[in-house]
Amino acid sequence: MLVSDILKQKGQKVECVDPNKTLKEAMVNIVKKKIGGLVVVMDGFPIGIISERDIIRAIAVQGEKVMDKPVRDFMTRKLIIGIPEDEIDSVMAFMTNNRFRHLPIMDGQRLVGIVSIGDIVKAQVHNLKVENRFLTDYITGKYPG
């Protein structure tokens, strides 16, 4: 299974934020959309990511006053991206080993989606259920092959 398969299921809508918006504005959007993070874009190109964890860490270290500061001061700048042709197993291992939960997906210079570790787990569970059904049908003689 490929990243593109997940994007076909969930769609290619990516919630983004301008780096000059405040953490409060970013957090309101995260809560409103019920998501874990936003891709930070400038001139349509991703330059970072801000997650709910980033915002909570900022508040824990500096207090509530950080909510009026810009996203650019707290975003993760070392953005790791994927491509639609990436294998899900590889992406899952990479995200797990590097301890991040959101992977923006680029097709050339265009942001085409984002996958979360939750999206990947959901896809893997679905694949296992399908495989289990086919194996059960095969073993019980329901499979026509």
C-alpha atoms as a PDB file:
ATOM      1  CA  MET A   1       0.000   0.000   0.000  1.00  0.00           C
ATOM      2  CA  LEU A   2       1.184   3.487  -0.874  1.00  0.00           C
ATOM      3  CA  VAL A   3       0.700   6.934   0.674  1.00  0.00           C
ATOM      4  CA  SER A   4      -1.382   7.819  -2.390  1.00  0.00           C
ATOM      5  CA  ASP A   5      -3.869   5.102  -1.387  1.00  0.00           C
ATOM      6  CA  ILE A   6      -4.418   6.800   1.982  1.00  0.00           C
ATOM      7  CA  LEU A   7      -4.794  10.196   0.326  1.00  0.00           C
ATOM      8  CA  LYS A   8      -7.454   8.758  -2.011  1.00  0.00           C
ATOM      9  CA  GLN A   9      -9.414   7.627   1.067  1.00  0.00           C
ATOM     10  CA  LYS A  10      -9.040  10.720   3.254  1.00  0.00           C
ATOM     11  CA  GLY A  11      -8.700  13.399   0.602  1.00  0.00           C
ATOM     12  CA  GLN A  12      -5.962  15.880  -0.107  1.00  0.00           C
ATOM     13  CA  LYS A  13      -7.152  18.774   2.053  1.00  0.00           C
ATOM     14  CA  VAL A  14      -4.302  20.083   4.181  1.00  0.00           C
ATOM     15  CA  GLU A  15      -4.925  22.496   7.021  1.00  0.00           C
ATOM     16  CA  CYS A  16      -2.250  25.181   6.919  1.00  0.00           C
ATOM     17  CA  VAL A  17      -1.240  28.267   8.847  1.00  0.00           C
ATOM     18  CA  ASP A  18       0.809  31.343   8.008  1.00  0.00           C
ATOM     19  CA  PRO A  19       4.021  31.628  10.075  1.00  0.00           C
ATOM     20  CA  ASN A  20       2.977  35.113  11.246  1.00  0.00           C
ATOM     21  CA  LYS A  21      -0.292  33.939  12.813  1.00  0.00           C
ATOM     22  CA  THR A  22      -0.311  33.647  16.597  1.00  0.00           C
ATOM     23  CA  LEU A  23      -0.139  30.377  18.482  1.00  0.00           C
ATOM     24  CA  LYS A  24      -3.640  31.159  19.719  1.00  0.00           C
ATOM     25  CA  GLU A  25      -4.947  31.380  16.144  1.00  0.00           C
ATOM     26  CA  ALA A  26      -3.193  28.110  15.287  1.00  0.00           C
ATOM     27  CA  MET A  27      -4.573  26.365  18.360  1.00  0.00           C
ATOM     28  CA  VAL A  28      -8.125  27.581  17.662  1.00  0.00           C
ATOM     29  CA  ASN A  29      -7.851  26.084  14.156  1.00  0.00           C
ATOM     30  CA  ILE A  30      -6.425  22.802  15.498  1.00  0.00           C
ATOM     31  CA  VAL A  31      -9.260  22.485  18.019  1.00  0.00           C
ATOM     32  CA  LYS A  32     -11.951  23.547  15.548  1.00  0.00           C
ATOM     33  CA  LYS A  33     -10.796  21.048  12.899  1.00  0.00           C
ATOM     34  CA  LYS A  34     -10.113  18.289  15.475  1.00  0.00           C
ATOM     35  CA  ILE A  35      -6.613  17.670  14.123  1.00  0.00           C
ATOM     36  CA  GLY A  36      -3.167  17.326  15.661  1.00  0.00           C
ATOM     37  CA  GLY A  37      -1.242  19.951  13.742  1.00  0.00           C
ATOM     38  CA  LEU A  38      -0.982  22.434  10.908  1.00  0.00           C
ATOM     39  CA  VAL A  39       1.495  22.719   8.072  1.00  0.00           C
ATOM     40  CA  VAL A  40       3.150  26.126   8.168  1.00  0.00           C
ATOM     41  CA  VAL A  41       3.235  27.584   4.658  1.00  0.00           C
ATOM     42  CA  MET A  42       4.751  30.672   3.119  1.00  0.00           C
ATOM     43  CA  ASP A  43       3.865  31.580  -0.465  1.00  0.00           C
ATOM     44  CA  GLY A  44       2.175  28.189  -0.818  1.00  0.00           C
ATOM     45  CA  PHE A  45       5.285  26.218   0.154  1.00  0.00           C
ATOM     46  CA  PRO A  46       5.627  24.289   3.433  1.00  0.00           C
ATOM     47  CA  ILE A  47       8.330  25.666   5.724  1.00  0.00           C
ATOM     48  CA  GLY A  48       7.442  23.902   8.961  1.00  0.00           C
ATOM     49  CA  ILE A  49       4.783  22.251  11.056  1.00  0.00           C
ATOM     50  CA  ILE A  50       3.141  23.249  14.331  1.00  0.00           C
ATOM     51  CA  SER A  51       1.478  20.603  16.442  1.00  0.00           C
ATOM     52  CA  GLU A  52      -0.635  20.690  19.550  1.00  0.00           C
ATOM     53  CA  ARG A  53       2.377  19.223  21.371  1.00  0.00           C
ATOM     54  CA  ASP A  54       4.561  22.132  20.225  1.00  0.00           C
ATOM     55  CA  ILE A  55       2.035  24.594  21.616  1.00  0.00           C
ATOM     56  CA  ILE A  56       1.665  22.760  24.927  1.00  0.00           C
ATOM     57  CA  ARG A  57       5.456  22.639  25.345  1.00  0.00           C
ATOM     58  CA  ALA A  58       5.689  26.379  24.665  1.00  0.00           C
ATOM     59  CA  ILE A  59       3.034  27.104  27.300  1.00  0.00           C
ATOM     60  CA  ALA A  60       4.717  24.781  29.815  1.00  0.00           C
ATOM     61  CA  VAL A  61       8.079  26.531  29.393  1.00  0.00           C
ATOM     62  CA  GLN A  62       7.045  30.163  28.898  1.00  0.00           C
ATOM     63  CA  GLY A  63       3.501  30.416  30.219  1.00  0.00           C
ATOM     64  CA  GLU A  64       0.284  31.539  28.569  1.00  0.00           C
ATOM     65  CA  LYS A  65       1.855  34.721  27.212  1.00  0.00           C
ATOM     66  CA  VAL A  66       3.289  32.678  24.301  1.00  0.00           C
ATOM     67  CA  MET A  67      -0.190  32.388  22.809  1.00  0.00           C
ATOM     68  CA  ASP A  68       0.212  35.906  21.378  1.00  0.00           C
ATOM     69  CA  LYS A  69       3.568  35.083  19.756  1.00  0.00           C
ATOM     70  CA  PRO A  70       3.919  34.007  16.113  1.00  0.00           C
ATOM     71  CA  VAL A  71       3.839  30.380  14.993  1.00  0.00           C
ATOM     72  CA  ARG A  72       7.260  30.813  13.314  1.00  0.00           C
ATOM     73  CA  ASP A  73       8.893  31.052  16.758  1.00  0.00           C
ATOM     74  CA  PHE A  74       7.660  27.604  17.823  1.00  0.00           C
ATOM     75  CA  MET A  75       7.163  25.539  14.664  1.00  0.00           C
ATOM     76  CA  THR A  76       9.290  22.539  13.809  1.00  0.00           C
ATOM     77  CA  ARG A  77      11.551  23.827  11.057  1.00  0.00           C
ATOM     78  CA  LYS A  78      13.264  20.607  10.023  1.00  0.00           C
ATOM     79  CA  LEU A  79      10.311  19.490   7.970  1.00  0.00           C
ATOM     80  CA  ILE A  80      10.373  15.897   6.813  1.00  0.00           C
ATOM     81  CA  ILE A  81       8.142  15.207   3.838  1.00  0.00           C
ATOM     82  CA  GLY A  82       6.868  12.160   2.010  1.00  0.00           C
ATOM     83  CA  ILE A  83       5.789  11.525  -1.551  1.00  0.00           C
ATOM     84  CA  PRO A  84       2.668   9.756  -2.840  1.00  0.00           C
ATOM     85  CA  GLU A  85       4.753   6.761  -3.995  1.00  0.00           C
ATOM     86  CA  ASP A  86       6.136   6.033  -0.515  1.00  0.00           C
ATOM     87  CA  GLU A  87       5.288   2.595   0.891  1.00  0.00           C
ATOM     88  CA  ILE A  88       3.124   2.761   4.023  1.00  0.00           C
ATOM     89  CA  ASP A  89       5.299   0.253   5.920  1.00  0.00           C
ATOM     90  CA  SER A  90       8.383   2.427   5.344  1.00  0.00           C
ATOM     91  CA  VAL A  91       6.569   5.630   6.307  1.00  0.00           C
ATOM     92  CA  MET A  92       5.207   4.040   9.485  1.00  0.00           C
ATOM     93  CA  ALA A  93       8.658   2.801  10.523  1.00  0.00           C
ATOM     94  CA  PHE A  94      10.251   6.169   9.731  1.00  0.00           C
ATOM     95  CA  MET A  95       7.635   8.120  11.705  1.00  0.00           C
ATOM     96  CA  THR A  96       7.869   5.732  14.655  1.00  0.00           C
ATOM     97  CA  ASN A  97      11.678   5.715  14.735  1.00  0.00           C
ATOM     98  CA  ASN A  98      11.886   9.513  14.455  1.00  0.00           C
ATOM     99  CA  ARG A  99       8.988  10.122  16.860  1.00  0.00           C
ATOM    100  CA  PHE A 100       6.734  12.373  14.814  1.00  0.00           C
ATOM    101  CA  ARG A 101       3.051  11.973  14.005  1.00  0.00           C
ATOM    102  CA  HIS A 102       2.350  14.075  10.893  1.00  0.00           C
ATOM    103  CA  LEU A 103       3.957  13.787   7.459  1.00  0.00           C
ATOM    104  CA  PRO A 104       3.240  16.397   4.768  1.00  0.00           C
ATOM    105  CA  ILE A 105       3.115  14.840   1.302  1.00  0.00           C
ATOM    106  CA  MET A 106       4.630  16.646  -1.673  1.00  0.00           C
ATOM    107  CA  ASP A 107       4.265  15.914  -5.370  1.00  0.00           C
ATOM    108  CA  GLY A 108       7.088  17.891  -6.895  1.00  0.00           C
ATOM    109  CA  GLN A 109       6.774  21.417  -5.519  1.00  0.00           C
ATOM    110  CA  ARG A 110       3.092  20.988  -4.611  1.00  0.00           C
ATOM    111  CA  LEU A 111       1.700  20.085  -1.181  1.00  0.00           C
ATOM    112  CA  VAL A 112      -0.851  17.355  -1.949  1.00  0.00           C
ATOM    113  CA  GLY A 113      -1.766  16.015   1.468  1.00  0.00           C
ATOM    114  CA  ILE A 114      -0.770  15.022   4.948  1.00  0.00           C
ATOM    115  CA  VAL A 115      -0.840  11.641   6.648  1.00  0.00           C
ATOM    116  CA  SER A 116      -0.839  11.024  10.354  1.00  0.00           C
ATOM    117  CA  ILE A 117       0.305   7.951  12.184  1.00  0.00           C
ATOM    118  CA  GLY A 118      -3.390   7.389  12.917  1.00  0.00           C
ATOM    119  CA  ASP A 119      -4.189   7.366   9.184  1.00  0.00           C
ATOM    120  CA  ILE A 120      -1.489   4.756   8.659  1.00  0.00           C
ATOM    121  CA  VAL A 121      -2.656   2.542  11.519  1.00  0.00           C
ATOM    122  CA  LYS A 122      -6.247   2.756  10.254  1.00  0.00           C
ATOM    123  CA  ALA A 123      -5.138   1.711   6.751  1.00  0.00           C
ATOM    124  CA  GLN A 124      -3.046  -1.166   8.129  1.00  0.00           C
ATOM    125  CA  VAL A 125      -5.949  -2.442  10.256  1.00  0.00           C
ATOM    126  CA  HIS A 126      -8.245  -2.335   7.220  1.00  0.00           C
ATOM    127  CA  ASN A 127      -5.709  -4.296   5.138  1.00  0.00           C
ATOM    128  CA  LEU A 128      -5.358  -6.910   7.870  1.00  0.00           C
ATOM    129  CA  LYS A 129      -9.135  -7.325   8.093  1.00  0.00           C
ATOM    130  CA  VAL A 130      -9.403  -7.822   4.325  1.00  0.00           C
ATOM    131  CA  GLU A 131      -6.506 -10.275   4.293  1.00  0.00           C
ATOM    132  CA  ASN A 132      -8.016 -12.155   7.244  1.00  0.00           C
ATOM    133  CA  ARG A 133     -11.352 -12.449   5.452  1.00  0.00           C
ATOM    134  CA  PHE A 134      -9.763 -13.811   2.266  1.00  0.00           C
ATOM    135  CA  LEU A 135      -7.683 -16.328   4.217  1.00  0.00           C
ATOM    136  CA  THR A 136     -10.725 -17.429   6.231  1.00  0.00           C
ATOM    137  CA  ASP A 137     -12.759 -17.827   3.034  1.00  0.00           C
ATOM    138  CA  TYR A 138      -9.915 -19.818   1.460  1.00  0.00           C
ATOM    139  CA  ILE A 139      -9.536 -22.128   4.460  1.00  0.00           C
ATOM    140  CA  THR A 140     -13.273 -22.736   4.799  1.00  0.00           C
ATOM    141  CA  GLY A 141     -13.678 -23.430   1.078  1.00  0.00           C
ATOM    142  CA  LYS A 142     -15.639 -20.272   0.224  1.00  0.00           C
ATOM    143  CA  TYR A 143     -12.855 -18.959  -1.987  1.00  0.00           C
ATOM    144  CA  PRO A 144     -13.494 -19.884  -5.623  1.00  0.00           C
ATOM    145  CA  GLY A 145      -9.800 -20.437  -6.380  1.00  0.00           C
END
